[in-house]
Amino acid sequence: MIFKDDLFAQIPYCLKGTNLNGLGNRYEGKVRDNYSKDGRRILIVTDRLSAFDRIIALIPFKGQVLNQIAEFWFKKTDDIIGNHVIEFPDPNVVVAKECVALPVEMVVRGYLTGVTTTSAWHHYEKGERNFCGNVLPDGMNKNEKFDKPILTPSTKAEYGGHDESVSREDILGRGVITEDQFEIMAQAAMKLYERGVEICAKQGMILVDTKYEFGVDSDGGIVLIDEIHTPDSSRFWHMDEYADRLSAGIEQKKIDKEYLREWLADKGFTGNGDVPEIPDDVRVETAHRYIEAFELITGQQFVAKVGDVYARIEQNLAKYL
């Protein structure tokens, strides 16, 4: 079991980034360091936290949590669509098939919620009733469940840019993916979300919304890449408190990075200007919520040791160097 003292102790060892010679061509994403070589990609999940399309802070054990939650879900969903996974040689690492990422994220939303300017609630509150091609009824309240989940595709921004929520027609009109590719991704996304909702419900959790990324592998097939149903890509609420909180008009109890988003928003930061300094206790509370997410979603105890993450990764990837 990981205690808060362990989380404070891990702060000096947070994985900011890597530079491992011999793994291949290096590309740094918002959260993952990618190395490509010989038809495979090694993704090292750092402890960087991204919010409002900015790197905000380093969160103890966050990379391990994300990687191991993704491992759980990749195994639970590979009957729906194939994925890029070859192996997980380290708690923070996945070795994957090299794929050409498709420049569209499939976002599935089951509830009218959110705090960012790209959220469904932000647009709805302003009076908009057509959100990414989905016509929404009048009279809905924040955090209310849709009659059925909606698909709101998003353009995949370059590093440092901002994603844009758009409709199916917009995506196809831009010609960034084909209609066939869109339909495969859309259908897979809906089935993945349904599976996620079903498994989370057994754990007493609500999978509120999430996003999926897809790529084309060397055989020309579309596969699931990046991550799936993690606190970085998804929003989760506690099922047993949902109805009471909704009827009372208070915010849902959550286990995702919305906690830090809201802390930043309270400080007046929503993506522009300098990022406020994040106190250690806020970083530790964020880490605690990530670990809680792992345990609530998977039903497994999170196991980790305080220590040098970089050195462990380098040792576990020795065969690839």
Protein backbone atom coordinates (compact mmCIF):
# COMPACT_ATOMS: atom_id res chain seq x y z
CA MET A 1 0.00 0.00 0.00
CA ILE A 2 1.20 3.49 -0.87
CA PHE A 3 0.87 6.12 1.86
CA LYS A 4 1.00 9.90 1.46
CA ASP A 5 4.45 9.94 3.11
CA ASP A 6 5.61 7.71 0.24
CA LEU A 7 4.19 10.17 -2.27
CA PHE A 8 6.07 13.07 -0.70
CA ALA A 9 9.23 10.92 -0.63
CA GLN A 10 8.84 10.13 -4.34
CA ILE A 11 8.71 13.78 -5.44
CA PRO A 12 12.52 14.05 -5.98
CA TYR A 13 12.37 10.92 -8.17
CA CYS A 14 9.50 12.04 -10.43
CA LEU A 15 10.25 11.17 -14.04
CA LYS A 16 10.48 14.46 -15.93
CA GLY A 17 11.80 12.89 -19.12
CA THR A 18 14.29 10.49 -20.65
CA ASN A 19 17.11 10.55 -23.14
CA LEU A 20 18.17 6.95 -23.76
CA ASN A 21 20.66 6.58 -26.59
CA GLY A 22 20.18 3.47 -28.70
CA LEU A 23 16.40 3.16 -28.41
CA GLY A 24 15.81 4.93 -31.72
CA ASN A 25 14.54 8.26 -32.96
CA ARG A 26 13.18 10.23 -30.02
CA TYR A 27 9.97 12.25 -29.99
CA GLU A 28 8.62 13.98 -26.88
CA GLY A 29 4.87 14.17 -26.45
CA LYS A 30 2.98 15.92 -23.69
CA VAL A 31 3.27 12.95 -21.34
CA ARG A 32 5.16 10.22 -23.20
CA ASP A 33 8.70 10.01 -24.53
CA ASN A 34 8.63 7.98 -27.75
CA TYR A 35 11.49 6.08 -29.35
CA SER A 36 11.07 4.59 -32.84
CA LYS A 37 13.31 1.94 -34.39
CA ASP A 38 12.96 -1.19 -36.55
CA GLY A 39 9.18 -1.15 -36.78
CA ARG A 40 8.55 -0.76 -33.08
CA ARG A 41 7.95 2.15 -30.77
CA ILE A 42 8.90 2.33 -27.12
CA LEU A 43 6.65 4.65 -25.13
CA ILE A 44 7.93 5.76 -21.74
CA VAL A 45 5.17 7.30 -19.65
CA THR A 46 6.65 10.14 -17.62
CA ASP A 47 5.21 11.80 -14.52
CA ARG A 48 4.41 14.97 -16.47
CA LEU A 49 0.82 16.14 -16.09
CA SER A 50 -0.80 17.99 -18.97
CA ALA A 51 -3.87 20.20 -18.56
CA PHE A 52 -5.27 22.99 -20.70
CA ASP A 53 -2.83 21.74 -23.36
CA ARG A 54 0.11 22.76 -21.15
CA ILE A 55 2.62 20.80 -19.06
CA ILE A 56 1.61 21.68 -15.52
CA ALA A 57 3.60 19.64 -13.00
CA LEU A 58 5.32 16.36 -12.17
CA ILE A 59 3.11 14.00 -10.17
CA PRO A 60 4.63 11.10 -8.16
CA PHE A 61 3.99 7.65 -9.70
CA LYS A 62 1.63 9.16 -12.30
CA GLY A 63 3.44 7.52 -15.22
CA GLN A 64 3.24 4.08 -13.64
CA VAL A 65 -0.45 4.54 -12.84
CA LEU A 66 -1.27 5.56 -16.41
CA ASN A 67 0.74 2.77 -17.99
CA GLN A 68 -0.67 0.05 -15.77
CA ILE A 69 -4.27 1.24 -16.15
CA ALA A 70 -3.76 1.24 -19.92
CA GLU A 71 -2.33 -2.29 -19.71
CA PHE A 72 -5.46 -3.39 -17.82
CA TRP A 73 -7.78 -1.91 -20.45
CA PHE A 74 -5.82 -3.03 -23.51
CA LYS A 75 -6.23 -6.61 -22.27
CA LYS A 76 -9.94 -6.10 -21.54
CA THR A 77 -10.76 -4.69 -24.99
CA ASP A 78 -8.55 -6.44 -27.55
CA ASP A 79 -11.56 -8.44 -28.76
CA ILE A 80 -13.21 -5.17 -29.90
CA ILE A 81 -10.26 -3.82 -31.88
CA GLY A 82 -6.58 -4.70 -32.03
CA ASN A 83 -4.04 -2.49 -30.29
CA HIS A 84 -0.39 -1.60 -30.67
CA VAL A 85 0.94 -3.48 -27.63
CA ILE A 86 3.90 -5.88 -27.89
CA GLU A 87 4.93 -6.00 -24.22
CA PHE A 88 5.14 -4.08 -20.94
CA PRO A 89 8.78 -4.51 -19.82
CA ASP A 90 8.59 -1.89 -17.05
CA PRO A 91 5.80 -0.30 -14.98
CA ASN A 92 6.26 2.94 -16.95
CA VAL A 93 6.92 1.46 -20.39
CA VAL A 94 5.06 -0.16 -23.26
CA VAL A 95 6.81 -1.56 -26.31
CA ALA A 96 4.45 -1.24 -29.25
CA LYS A 97 4.14 -1.76 -32.96
CA GLU A 98 5.08 1.32 -34.92
CA CYS A 99 1.90 2.86 -36.32
CA VAL A 100 1.02 5.96 -38.29
CA ALA A 101 -1.20 7.94 -35.94
CA LEU A 102 -4.46 9.17 -37.42
CA PRO A 103 -4.89 12.91 -36.73
CA VAL A 104 -8.35 12.61 -35.13
CA GLU A 105 -9.26 11.66 -31.57
CA MET A 106 -12.58 9.96 -30.99
CA VAL A 107 -14.14 11.53 -27.91
CA VAL A 108 -17.18 9.79 -26.40
CA ARG A 109 -19.27 11.62 -23.82
CA GLY A 110 -21.97 10.03 -21.71
CA TYR A 111 -22.77 13.09 -19.58
CA LEU A 112 -23.15 16.85 -20.03
CA THR A 113 -20.16 18.12 -18.09
CA GLY A 114 -16.69 19.67 -18.18
CA VAL A 115 -14.81 22.81 -17.17
CA THR A 116 -12.71 23.67 -20.24
CA THR A 117 -13.74 25.74 -23.25
CA THR A 118 -13.86 22.54 -25.33
CA SER A 119 -16.30 20.82 -22.97
CA ALA A 120 -19.89 20.02 -23.84
CA TRP A 121 -21.14 21.93 -20.79
CA HIS A 122 -19.23 25.11 -21.75
CA HIS A 123 -20.97 25.19 -25.13
CA TYR A 124 -24.35 24.17 -23.72
CA GLU A 125 -24.23 26.85 -21.01
CA LYS A 126 -23.65 29.46 -23.71
CA GLY A 127 -26.89 28.37 -25.39
CA GLU A 128 -25.46 26.14 -28.11
CA ARG A 129 -27.56 23.06 -28.81
CA ASN A 130 -25.61 21.53 -31.68
CA PHE A 131 -22.33 20.22 -30.35
CA CYS A 132 -20.09 18.58 -32.94
CA GLY A 133 -23.12 17.46 -34.94
CA ASN A 134 -25.07 16.23 -31.90
CA VAL A 135 -28.37 18.04 -31.28
CA LEU A 136 -28.88 18.37 -27.53
CA PRO A 137 -32.27 18.97 -25.87
CA ASP A 138 -33.13 22.06 -23.86
CA GLY A 139 -33.47 21.92 -20.10
CA MET A 140 -30.48 19.75 -19.24
CA ASN A 141 -28.47 20.35 -16.08
CA LYS A 142 -24.74 20.12 -15.63
CA ASN A 143 -23.55 16.52 -15.07
CA GLU A 144 -26.82 15.05 -16.38
CA LYS A 145 -26.61 11.85 -18.37
CA PHE A 146 -27.35 11.93 -22.10
CA ASP A 147 -30.08 9.62 -23.41
CA LYS A 148 -27.26 7.87 -25.23
CA PRO A 149 -23.52 8.58 -25.51
CA ILE A 150 -22.45 11.14 -28.10
CA LEU A 151 -19.38 11.17 -30.33
CA THR A 152 -17.50 14.46 -30.55
CA PRO A 153 -14.38 14.02 -32.71
CA SER A 154 -11.40 16.22 -32.01
CA THR A 155 -8.51 17.25 -34.21
CA LYS A 156 -5.17 16.12 -32.84
CA ALA A 157 -3.11 19.26 -32.33
CA GLU A 158 0.63 19.43 -32.79
CA TYR A 159 2.69 19.59 -29.60
CA GLY A 160 1.94 22.92 -27.93
CA GLY A 161 -1.25 23.46 -29.92
CA HIS A 162 -4.90 23.19 -28.96
CA ASP A 163 -7.23 20.36 -29.92
CA GLU A 164 -10.47 21.37 -31.64
CA SER A 165 -13.83 19.63 -31.22
CA VAL A 166 -15.55 19.28 -34.58
CA SER A 167 -18.28 17.30 -36.32
CA ARG A 168 -18.02 14.24 -38.56
CA GLU A 169 -18.77 16.45 -41.53
CA ASP A 170 -15.97 18.86 -40.61
CA ILE A 171 -13.48 16.02 -40.28
CA LEU A 172 -14.39 14.48 -43.61
CA GLY A 173 -14.48 17.89 -45.28
CA ARG A 174 -10.90 18.52 -44.27
CA GLY A 175 -9.80 15.24 -45.82
CA VAL A 176 -7.50 14.28 -42.96
CA ILE A 177 -8.97 10.75 -42.81
CA THR A 178 -11.21 8.76 -45.15
CA GLU A 179 -14.87 8.04 -44.53
CA ASP A 180 -14.08 4.35 -44.06
CA GLN A 181 -11.42 5.17 -41.48
CA PHE A 182 -13.83 7.46 -39.66
CA GLU A 183 -16.54 4.80 -39.48
CA ILE A 184 -14.15 2.12 -38.19
CA MET A 185 -12.85 4.48 -35.51
CA ALA A 186 -16.31 5.74 -34.55
CA GLN A 187 -17.81 2.27 -34.20
CA ALA A 188 -14.81 1.02 -32.23
CA ALA A 189 -14.93 4.06 -29.94
CA MET A 190 -18.57 3.48 -29.06
CA LYS A 191 -17.97 -0.21 -28.32
CA LEU A 192 -14.87 0.59 -26.25
CA TYR A 193 -16.84 3.13 -24.24
CA GLU A 194 -19.68 0.65 -23.65
CA ARG A 195 -17.16 -1.93 -22.42
CA GLY A 196 -15.58 0.67 -20.16
CA VAL A 197 -18.94 1.69 -18.70
CA GLU A 198 -19.81 -1.97 -18.05
CA ILE A 199 -16.53 -2.82 -16.28
CA CYS A 200 -16.43 0.41 -14.28
CA ALA A 201 -20.00 -0.13 -13.09
CA LYS A 202 -18.96 -3.43 -11.53
CA GLN A 203 -16.44 -1.43 -9.50
CA GLY A 204 -19.04 1.16 -8.51
CA MET A 205 -17.61 3.77 -10.87
CA ILE A 206 -19.04 5.81 -13.74
CA LEU A 207 -16.96 6.26 -16.89
CA VAL A 208 -18.19 9.75 -17.75
CA ASP A 209 -16.32 10.50 -20.95
CA THR A 210 -13.09 9.53 -22.65
CA LYS A 211 -11.03 9.80 -25.80
CA TYR A 212 -9.43 7.22 -28.06
CA GLU A 213 -6.53 7.48 -30.49
CA PHE A 214 -6.00 5.19 -33.45
CA GLY A 215 -3.22 4.43 -35.88
CA VAL A 216 -2.53 2.40 -39.00
CA ASP A 217 -0.13 -0.52 -38.50
CA SER A 218 2.31 -2.01 -41.01
CA ASP A 219 -0.42 -4.29 -42.38
CA GLY A 220 -2.71 -1.35 -43.10
CA GLY A 221 -5.13 -2.12 -40.28
CA ILE A 222 -6.52 0.41 -37.83
CA VAL A 223 -5.54 -0.29 -34.22
CA LEU A 224 -5.96 1.41 -30.85
CA ILE A 225 -2.83 3.29 -29.76
CA ASP A 226 -1.55 5.55 -26.98
CA GLU A 227 -3.71 4.83 -23.89
CA ILE A 228 -7.23 3.85 -22.91
CA HIS A 229 -9.51 4.74 -19.98
CA THR A 230 -6.83 6.40 -17.87
CA PRO A 231 -7.39 9.47 -15.65
CA ASP A 232 -5.58 11.52 -18.31
CA SER A 233 -7.92 10.54 -21.12
CA SER A 234 -11.10 9.95 -19.15
CA ARG A 235 -13.36 11.31 -16.44
CA PHE A 236 -14.68 9.06 -13.65
CA TRP A 237 -17.31 9.61 -10.96
CA HIS A 238 -18.47 7.60 -7.95
CA MET A 239 -21.72 5.82 -8.78
CA ASP A 240 -23.13 5.68 -5.25
CA GLU A 241 -23.11 9.47 -4.88
CA TYR A 242 -24.10 10.47 -8.41
CA ALA A 243 -27.88 10.84 -8.05
CA ASP A 244 -27.79 12.69 -4.73
CA ARG A 245 -25.16 15.13 -5.93
CA LEU A 246 -26.99 15.73 -9.21
CA SER A 247 -30.30 16.47 -7.49
CA ALA A 248 -28.54 18.77 -5.00
CA GLY A 249 -26.80 20.63 -7.81
CA ILE A 250 -23.33 20.03 -6.42
CA GLU A 251 -20.26 18.77 -8.24
CA GLN A 252 -19.66 15.05 -8.56
CA LYS A 253 -17.00 13.26 -6.56
CA LYS A 254 -14.28 12.59 -9.08
CA ILE A 255 -11.03 10.64 -9.36
CA ASP A 256 -9.47 12.24 -12.42
CA LYS A 257 -7.13 15.15 -13.09
CA GLU A 258 -10.11 17.51 -12.96
CA TYR A 259 -9.02 18.15 -9.36
CA LEU A 260 -5.86 19.91 -10.54
CA ARG A 261 -7.69 21.61 -13.44
CA GLU A 262 -10.12 23.13 -10.94
CA TRP A 263 -7.30 24.13 -8.58
CA LEU A 264 -5.64 25.96 -11.47
CA ALA A 265 -8.91 27.55 -12.59
CA ASP A 266 -9.46 28.83 -9.03
CA LYS A 267 -6.05 30.49 -9.34
CA GLY A 268 -7.18 32.16 -12.58
CA PHE A 269 -5.21 29.87 -14.92
CA THR A 270 -7.06 28.25 -17.82
CA GLY A 271 -4.19 27.75 -20.25
CA ASN A 272 -2.86 31.23 -20.96
CA GLY A 273 0.02 32.97 -19.22
CA ASP A 274 2.44 31.52 -16.71
CA VAL A 275 1.54 28.27 -14.98
CA PRO A 276 1.10 28.88 -11.23
CA GLU A 277 3.56 27.11 -8.95
CA ILE A 278 1.99 23.86 -7.76
CA PRO A 279 2.56 23.21 -4.01
CA ASP A 280 3.81 19.76 -3.01
CA ASP A 281 0.62 19.00 -1.10
CA VAL A 282 -1.44 19.60 -4.25
CA ARG A 283 0.90 17.37 -6.24
CA VAL A 284 0.59 14.64 -3.60
CA GLU A 285 -3.20 14.92 -3.50
CA THR A 286 -3.26 14.64 -7.30
CA ALA A 287 -1.04 11.54 -7.08
CA HIS A 288 -3.33 10.06 -4.43
CA ARG A 289 -6.29 10.51 -6.77
CA TYR A 290 -4.45 8.82 -9.64
CA ILE A 291 -3.63 5.85 -7.43
CA GLU A 292 -7.19 5.77 -6.15
CA ALA A 293 -8.32 5.69 -9.76
CA PHE A 294 -6.12 2.69 -10.48
CA GLU A 295 -7.45 0.73 -7.53
CA LEU A 296 -11.10 1.65 -8.03
CA ILE A 297 -11.08 0.97 -11.76
CA THR A 298 -9.04 -2.22 -11.83
CA GLY A 299 -9.99 -3.67 -8.46
CA GLN A 300 -6.28 -4.27 -7.86
CA GLN A 301 -3.92 -2.82 -5.28
CA PHE A 302 -1.37 -0.37 -6.66
CA VAL A 303 2.17 -1.52 -5.91
CA ALA A 304 5.17 0.79 -6.28
CA LYS A 305 8.47 1.53 -4.58
CA VAL A 306 9.95 4.89 -3.71
CA GLY A 307 13.11 5.31 -5.76
CA ASP A 308 14.81 6.26 -9.02
CA VAL A 309 12.36 5.57 -11.84
CA TYR A 310 14.83 6.54 -14.58
CA ALA A 311 17.48 4.04 -13.43
CA ARG A 312 14.92 1.22 -13.24
CA ILE A 313 13.63 1.95 -16.74
CA GLU A 314 17.16 2.03 -18.15
CA GLN A 315 17.84 -1.39 -16.60
CA ASN A 316 14.57 -2.93 -17.82
CA LEU A 317 15.13 -1.64 -21.35
CA ALA A 318 18.75 -2.84 -21.56
CA LYS A 319 17.87 -5.44 -24.21
CA TYR A 320 16.62 -2.69 -26.51
CA LEU A 321 19.64 -0.41 -26.08
